[in-house]
Amino acid sequence: MHTAPPAALSLPALRGAAGRLLPGLLLAGALAAAAIALAASPWLQSHGISALTLAIVLGLLAGNTVYPRLAAAAGPGVGFSKQRLLRLGIVLYGLRLTFQDIGQVGLAGVAIDAAMLCSTFGLAGWLGTRAFGLERRTAMLIGAGSAICGAAAVMAAEPVVRGRAGQVTVAVSTVVVFGTLGMFLYPALYQWNLQHQWLAMSETGYGIFAGSTIHEVAQVVAAGRAVGEHAADTAVIAKMVRVMMLAPFLLMLSAWLARNPERGDGAAGAHAPAAGLAIPWFALGFVAVAGVHSLGVLPRPVVELALDLDLVLLAMAMAALGLTTHVSAIRQAGLRPLGLAALLFAWLVAGGAAVNQWLPRLF
């Protein structure tokens, strides 16, 4: 049967689509700009509070006050920011690291990152559903944020897990709470260990420990600088290697969900992952961009411009997430997500210290 080729989009149609998206894009962009400006404050920088964290907070404030009156006009653009711009932002996130970073932490550092990622996410899935009775999506999103790179990992996992806005916001909230706690706790533990010498830990070892276990990149930087510049540099490299594991993690998670659809959340069946393998193409784009960056062929001004754009895109996605989340959804989640995140945080601190002490002996 012959099928006529689809007609090309006309200029009026493109203008109409742009017109529908524009109000929401402007709203998300304004919130993102405000978050980025506030994050430049020295006090906020010294406390590891990133623009992404501020963007979701501003989005939540607007989403639960003025946004309901704007939703009819701004909804399409906000949804576009939360989905399309997010994926593009994750792709450009690859410009924050190179494959050469792996060499600076060595095989032991890579193994530590991998061990903490797998163990933390595995614990989240097991404890979240069995001990805390959470929906599988909520447990996986909290696990992704704790195991990899905080809010960015939660947002990157959302298209694969297909979580709801409330579940994503709850997961991001746990990252903010315990990542912020870790940012102050880690330097205190390092100083305490210097006095009592319970563990043999140099500034380099502390940097790998912090980079392999603290949630957000900004929090890692703050915790590292509290000890010293060398500790901060090592912590960031270890953290970037951990971030690099985001793409293979998403691919494996997608494959696992495709093979285990029957374990989905019954109450949210409409949102359950499809039986087929959903390849997160943006994750492959993330690796490709990191690979190109590793070659050193991109001029530094181009990289810096792309990183600025990436920050804007991710901040807009976080603001859009906050706009579409009602505080009631967080209240309904109760204390169980925080309980799971607290146990994961305890594992990251205590288990992470043990792994950082034991695993390097094998190399």
Protein backbone atom coordinates (compact mmCIF):
# COMPACT_ATOMS: atom_id res chain seq x y z
CA MET A 1 0.00 0.00 0.00
CA HIS A 2 1.46 3.32 -1.06
CA THR A 3 1.76 5.99 1.62
CA ALA A 4 2.30 9.60 0.72
CA PRO A 5 5.38 11.18 2.28
CA PRO A 6 4.64 13.48 5.19
CA ALA A 7 4.38 17.12 4.27
CA ALA A 8 7.20 19.35 5.39
CA LEU A 9 6.43 21.65 8.26
CA SER A 10 5.42 25.04 6.94
CA LEU A 11 6.86 28.25 8.26
CA PRO A 12 3.56 29.21 9.95
CA ALA A 13 3.48 25.82 11.67
CA LEU A 14 7.04 26.29 12.96
CA ARG A 15 6.17 29.75 14.17
CA GLY A 16 3.10 28.37 15.90
CA ALA A 17 5.15 25.69 17.65
CA ALA A 18 7.74 28.27 18.74
CA GLY A 19 4.98 30.53 19.98
CA ARG A 20 3.54 27.76 22.15
CA LEU A 21 6.93 26.99 23.67
CA LEU A 22 8.10 30.56 24.19
CA PRO A 23 6.20 31.50 27.40
CA GLY A 24 7.38 28.40 29.27
CA LEU A 25 10.93 28.72 27.97
CA LEU A 26 11.06 32.34 29.09
CA LEU A 27 9.76 31.43 32.54
CA ALA A 28 12.22 28.54 32.99
CA GLY A 29 14.99 30.73 31.59
CA ALA A 30 14.24 33.56 34.00
CA LEU A 31 14.34 31.20 36.98
CA ALA A 32 17.56 29.63 35.69
CA ALA A 33 19.17 33.05 35.25
CA ALA A 34 18.20 34.04 38.78
CA ALA A 35 19.61 30.77 40.16
CA ILE A 36 22.90 31.18 38.28
CA ALA A 37 23.25 34.78 39.48
CA LEU A 38 22.56 33.81 43.09
CA ALA A 39 24.97 30.86 42.89
CA ALA A 40 27.79 33.30 42.06
CA SER A 41 27.56 34.60 45.63
CA PRO A 42 30.82 33.83 47.49
CA TRP A 43 28.89 32.60 50.54
CA LEU A 44 26.84 30.13 48.51
CA GLN A 45 29.93 28.98 46.62
CA SER A 46 31.83 28.39 49.85
CA HIS A 47 28.94 26.27 51.10
CA GLY A 48 28.72 24.19 47.92
CA ILE A 49 25.21 25.32 46.95
CA SER A 50 25.03 25.04 43.19
CA ALA A 51 22.91 26.81 40.60
CA LEU A 52 21.03 23.55 39.94
CA THR A 53 19.98 23.32 43.59
CA LEU A 54 18.84 26.94 43.59
CA ALA A 55 16.99 26.46 40.30
CA ILE A 56 14.79 23.70 41.66
CA VAL A 57 14.16 25.67 44.86
CA LEU A 58 13.07 28.73 42.87
CA GLY A 59 11.00 26.49 40.62
CA LEU A 60 9.27 24.94 43.63
CA LEU A 61 8.50 28.38 45.07
CA ALA A 62 7.03 29.60 41.79
CA GLY A 63 5.34 26.28 41.05
CA ASN A 64 3.38 26.37 44.28
CA THR A 65 2.43 30.05 44.11
CA VAL A 66 2.09 31.83 40.77
CA TYR A 67 2.67 29.04 38.24
CA PRO A 68 -0.82 27.44 38.43
CA ARG A 69 -2.20 30.65 36.91
CA LEU A 70 0.40 30.53 34.13
CA ALA A 71 0.37 26.80 33.45
CA ALA A 72 -2.06 26.93 30.54
CA ALA A 73 0.22 29.22 28.56
CA ALA A 74 3.61 28.14 29.90
CA GLY A 75 3.01 24.38 30.15
CA PRO A 76 4.37 23.35 26.70
CA GLY A 77 7.61 25.29 27.12
CA VAL A 78 8.11 24.07 30.68
CA GLY A 79 7.62 20.48 29.55
CA PHE A 80 10.09 21.04 26.70
CA SER A 81 12.64 22.36 29.19
CA LYS A 82 12.15 19.40 31.52
CA GLN A 83 12.61 16.84 28.78
CA ARG A 84 14.40 18.04 25.65
CA LEU A 85 16.67 20.64 27.19
CA LEU A 86 17.58 18.19 29.94
CA ARG A 87 18.84 15.63 27.43
CA LEU A 88 20.88 18.24 25.58
CA GLY A 89 22.31 19.43 28.88
CA ILE A 90 23.40 15.89 29.81
CA VAL A 91 25.12 15.53 26.42
CA LEU A 92 27.06 18.77 26.93
CA TYR A 93 27.92 17.64 30.46
CA GLY A 94 30.52 15.43 28.78
CA LEU A 95 32.65 18.54 28.23
CA ARG A 96 33.35 18.62 31.96
CA LEU A 97 35.69 15.64 31.80
CA THR A 98 38.16 13.78 29.62
CA PHE A 99 39.28 10.19 29.41
CA GLN A 100 42.68 11.39 30.62
CA ASP A 101 41.07 12.03 34.01
CA ILE A 102 41.02 8.28 34.53
CA GLY A 103 44.80 8.12 34.41
CA GLN A 104 45.14 10.70 37.18
CA VAL A 105 43.26 8.58 39.74
CA GLY A 106 44.64 5.26 38.49
CA LEU A 107 42.96 1.88 38.30
CA ALA A 108 42.41 1.87 42.04
CA GLY A 109 40.47 5.14 41.86
CA VAL A 110 38.33 3.84 39.00
CA ALA A 111 37.67 0.61 40.89
CA ILE A 112 36.66 2.54 44.01
CA ASP A 113 34.23 4.68 42.01
CA ALA A 114 32.72 1.61 40.34
CA ALA A 115 32.43 -0.29 43.62
CA MET A 116 30.69 2.61 45.37
CA LEU A 117 28.35 3.20 42.42
CA CYS A 118 27.25 -0.44 42.15
CA SER A 119 26.94 -1.05 45.89
CA THR A 120 25.06 2.18 46.59
CA PHE A 121 22.57 1.73 43.79
CA GLY A 122 22.10 -1.95 44.66
CA LEU A 123 21.41 -1.07 48.29
CA ALA A 124 18.93 1.60 47.20
CA GLY A 125 16.94 -0.86 45.12
CA TRP A 126 16.94 -3.56 47.78
CA LEU A 127 16.35 -1.45 50.88
CA GLY A 128 14.03 1.01 49.18
CA THR A 129 11.47 -1.55 48.08
CA ARG A 130 11.85 -4.16 50.83
CA ALA A 131 12.70 -2.25 53.99
CA PHE A 132 11.01 1.08 53.26
CA GLY A 133 8.18 -0.02 50.96
CA LEU A 134 8.94 2.66 48.35
CA GLU A 135 7.95 2.43 44.72
CA ARG A 136 10.77 1.02 42.64
CA ARG A 137 11.14 4.23 40.64
CA THR A 138 11.57 6.35 43.75
CA ALA A 139 14.17 3.97 45.16
CA MET A 140 16.10 3.89 41.87
CA LEU A 141 16.09 7.67 41.50
CA ILE A 142 17.34 8.16 45.06
CA GLY A 143 19.95 5.49 44.40
CA ALA A 144 21.10 7.16 41.18
CA GLY A 145 21.50 10.52 42.89
CA SER A 146 23.44 9.03 45.79
CA ALA A 147 25.56 6.70 43.66
CA ILE A 148 26.70 8.96 40.82
CA CYS A 149 26.41 12.73 40.65
CA GLY A 150 23.44 14.00 42.58
CA ALA A 151 20.68 15.97 40.91
CA ALA A 152 22.16 15.59 37.41
CA ALA A 153 22.10 11.79 37.77
CA VAL A 154 18.52 11.86 39.04
CA MET A 155 17.46 13.93 36.06
CA ALA A 156 19.42 11.74 33.65
CA ALA A 157 17.88 8.56 35.07
CA GLU A 158 14.32 9.91 34.94
CA PRO A 159 13.76 9.23 31.20
CA VAL A 160 15.00 5.65 31.67
CA VAL A 161 13.12 4.97 34.89
CA ARG A 162 10.13 7.04 33.72
CA GLY A 163 9.51 8.49 37.14
CA ARG A 164 6.92 11.11 37.96
CA ALA A 165 7.81 14.72 38.74
CA GLY A 166 7.09 14.22 42.44
CA GLN A 167 9.39 11.19 42.61
CA VAL A 168 12.19 13.10 40.89
CA THR A 169 11.84 16.06 43.23
CA VAL A 170 11.89 13.82 46.30
CA ALA A 171 15.09 12.18 45.03
CA VAL A 172 16.71 15.55 44.32
CA SER A 173 15.70 16.77 47.78
CA THR A 174 17.53 13.87 49.44
CA VAL A 175 20.64 14.73 47.44
CA VAL A 176 20.48 18.32 48.68
CA VAL A 177 19.99 17.30 52.32
CA PHE A 178 22.67 14.62 52.62
CA GLY A 179 25.10 16.08 50.10
CA THR A 180 25.10 19.32 52.08
CA LEU A 181 25.59 17.37 55.33
CA GLY A 182 28.51 15.47 53.79
CA MET A 183 30.13 18.69 52.62
CA PHE A 184 30.59 19.73 56.27
CA LEU A 185 31.04 16.27 57.78
CA TYR A 186 33.90 15.05 55.57
CA PRO A 187 36.44 17.78 56.44
CA ALA A 188 35.56 17.35 60.14
CA LEU A 189 36.14 13.59 59.87
CA TYR A 190 39.47 14.19 58.14
CA GLN A 191 40.67 16.49 60.92
CA TRP A 192 39.42 14.06 63.56
CA ASN A 193 41.29 11.23 61.85
CA LEU A 194 44.48 13.32 61.77
CA GLN A 195 44.30 13.62 65.54
CA HIS A 196 43.49 9.98 66.28
CA GLN A 197 45.11 8.22 63.28
CA TRP A 198 42.39 5.60 62.95
CA LEU A 199 42.95 5.38 59.19
CA ALA A 200 45.99 6.04 57.04
CA MET A 201 44.68 8.81 54.80
CA SER A 202 46.70 11.44 52.95
CA GLU A 203 45.22 14.46 51.20
CA THR A 204 45.22 12.42 47.99
CA GLY A 205 43.39 9.57 49.71
CA TYR A 206 40.92 12.01 51.22
CA GLY A 207 40.30 13.51 47.79
CA ILE A 208 39.50 10.13 46.25
CA PHE A 209 37.31 9.28 49.26
CA ALA A 210 35.36 12.53 48.92
CA GLY A 211 35.08 12.31 45.13
CA SER A 212 33.87 8.71 45.22
CA THR A 213 31.19 9.23 47.87
CA ILE A 214 29.87 12.82 48.06
CA HIS A 215 26.77 13.51 45.96
CA GLU A 216 27.16 16.76 43.96
CA VAL A 217 30.19 18.12 42.13
CA ALA A 218 29.85 21.47 43.90
CA GLN A 219 29.72 19.70 47.26
CA VAL A 220 32.84 17.72 46.37
CA VAL A 221 34.69 20.93 45.53
CA ALA A 222 33.67 22.54 48.82
CA ALA A 223 34.62 19.47 50.89
CA GLY A 224 37.97 19.21 49.11
CA ARG A 225 38.90 22.87 49.48
CA ALA A 226 38.16 22.70 53.21
CA VAL A 227 41.19 20.37 53.47
CA GLY A 228 43.49 21.79 50.78
CA GLU A 229 43.90 22.58 47.10
CA HIS A 230 45.55 19.24 46.35
CA ALA A 231 42.70 17.41 48.07
CA ALA A 232 40.20 19.46 46.06
CA ASP A 233 41.90 18.72 42.74
CA THR A 234 42.04 14.98 43.45
CA ALA A 235 38.43 14.97 44.66
CA VAL A 236 37.19 16.65 41.48
CA ILE A 237 39.07 14.18 39.26
CA ALA A 238 37.67 11.21 41.19
CA LYS A 239 34.22 12.76 40.95
CA MET A 240 34.53 13.31 37.20
CA VAL A 241 35.51 9.68 36.68
CA ARG A 242 32.40 8.75 38.64
CA VAL A 243 30.34 11.07 36.43
CA MET A 244 31.78 9.34 33.37
CA MET A 245 30.17 6.12 34.58
CA LEU A 246 26.73 7.69 34.15
CA ALA A 247 26.38 6.60 30.52
CA PRO A 248 27.16 2.86 30.96
CA PHE A 249 25.04 2.90 34.10
CA LEU A 250 22.01 4.22 32.18
CA LEU A 251 22.50 1.67 29.40
CA MET A 252 22.69 -1.22 31.88
CA LEU A 253 19.71 0.12 33.83
CA SER A 254 17.65 0.38 30.65
CA ALA A 255 18.56 -3.20 29.70
CA TRP A 256 17.68 -4.46 33.18
CA LEU A 257 14.33 -2.68 33.18
CA ALA A 258 13.54 -4.14 29.75
CA ARG A 259 14.12 -7.65 31.13
CA ASN A 260 12.20 -7.04 34.37
CA PRO A 261 9.03 -5.13 33.45
CA GLU A 262 6.86 -7.33 35.66
CA ARG A 263 8.44 -5.80 38.74
CA GLY A 264 7.11 -2.35 37.98
CA ASP A 265 5.01 -0.35 40.38
CA GLY A 266 1.48 -1.56 40.13
CA ALA A 267 -0.08 1.71 41.11
CA ALA A 268 1.74 3.51 38.36
CA GLY A 269 1.30 1.03 35.61
CA ALA A 270 0.65 3.71 33.07
CA HIS A 271 4.17 4.95 33.65
CA ALA A 272 5.84 1.55 33.64
CA PRO A 273 8.87 1.08 31.41
CA ALA A 274 8.17 -0.54 28.10
CA ALA A 275 9.16 -4.15 27.58
CA GLY A 276 11.63 -3.22 24.86
CA LEU A 277 15.10 -1.85 25.47
CA ALA A 278 14.87 1.95 25.69
CA ILE A 279 18.32 3.15 24.67
CA PRO A 280 19.14 6.48 26.32
CA TRP A 281 20.74 8.06 23.26
CA PHE A 282 21.64 11.16 25.20
CA ALA A 283 23.93 8.99 27.34
CA LEU A 284 25.79 7.88 24.23
CA GLY A 285 26.01 11.53 23.21
CA PHE A 286 27.49 12.27 26.62
CA VAL A 287 30.28 9.72 26.01
CA ALA A 288 30.85 10.98 22.46
CA VAL A 289 31.23 14.58 23.64
CA ALA A 290 33.62 13.49 26.39
CA GLY A 291 35.60 11.56 23.78
CA VAL A 292 35.89 14.57 21.49
CA HIS A 293 36.90 16.73 24.44
CA SER A 294 39.57 14.18 25.35
CA LEU A 295 41.22 14.69 21.96
CA GLY A 296 41.88 18.32 22.76
CA VAL A 297 40.68 19.50 19.36
CA LEU A 298 38.08 21.94 20.68
CA PRO A 299 39.27 25.51 21.24
CA ARG A 300 39.08 26.52 24.87
CA PRO A 301 36.69 29.45 24.21
CA VAL A 302 34.30 27.03 22.48
CA VAL A 303 34.43 24.64 25.44
CA GLU A 304 33.83 27.44 27.93
CA LEU A 305 30.90 28.76 25.91
CA ALA A 306 29.40 25.27 25.69
CA LEU A 307 29.83 24.77 29.45
CA ASP A 308 28.02 28.05 30.11
CA LEU A 309 25.22 26.88 27.79
CA ASP A 310 25.15 23.52 29.56
CA LEU A 311 24.70 25.20 32.94
CA VAL A 312 21.80 27.24 31.55
CA LEU A 313 20.12 24.17 30.03
CA LEU A 314 20.42 22.07 33.18
CA ALA A 315 19.26 24.97 35.35
CA MET A 316 16.23 25.46 33.09
CA ALA A 317 15.43 21.74 33.36
CA MET A 318 15.67 21.87 37.16
CA ALA A 319 13.53 25.00 37.30
CA ALA A 320 10.93 23.31 35.08
CA LEU A 321 10.93 20.29 37.37
CA GLY A 322 10.27 22.53 40.36
CA LEU A 323 7.48 24.34 38.51
CA THR A 324 5.63 21.09 37.86
CA THR A 325 6.01 19.67 41.38
CA HIS A 326 3.49 20.35 44.12
CA VAL A 327 4.70 20.44 47.71
CA SER A 328 1.88 18.01 48.52
CA ALA A 329 3.71 15.36 46.50
CA ILE A 330 6.76 15.72 48.74
CA ARG A 331 4.61 15.64 51.87
CA GLN A 332 2.86 12.51 50.66
CA ALA A 333 6.23 10.79 50.22
CA GLY A 334 6.75 11.09 53.97
CA LEU A 335 9.91 10.18 55.84
CA ARG A 336 10.62 6.93 54.03
CA PRO A 337 12.66 8.46 51.18
CA LEU A 338 14.71 10.40 53.72
CA GLY A 339 15.21 7.20 55.70
CA LEU A 340 16.51 5.40 52.63
CA ALA A 341 18.77 8.32 51.71
CA ALA A 342 20.07 8.44 55.30
CA LEU A 343 21.08 4.77 55.17
CA LEU A 344 22.71 5.27 51.79
CA PHE A 345 24.59 8.26 53.20
CA ALA A 346 25.78 6.15 56.13
CA TRP A 347 27.03 3.56 53.63
CA LEU A 348 28.78 6.20 51.54
CA VAL A 349 30.63 7.49 54.61
CA ALA A 350 31.42 4.28 56.50
CA GLY A 351 31.40 1.79 53.64
CA GLY A 352 33.17 4.28 51.40
CA ALA A 353 35.95 4.71 53.95
CA ALA A 354 36.36 0.93 54.16
CA VAL A 355 36.40 0.49 50.38
CA ASN A 356 38.90 3.34 50.00
CA GLN A 357 41.19 1.66 52.52
CA TRP A 358 40.88 -1.90 51.27
CA LEU A 359 40.52 -1.79 47.50
CA PRO A 360 43.82 0.00 46.65
CA ARG A 361 45.69 -2.93 48.25
CA LEU A 362 44.63 -5.10 45.33
CA PHE A 363 46.45 -2.87 42.80
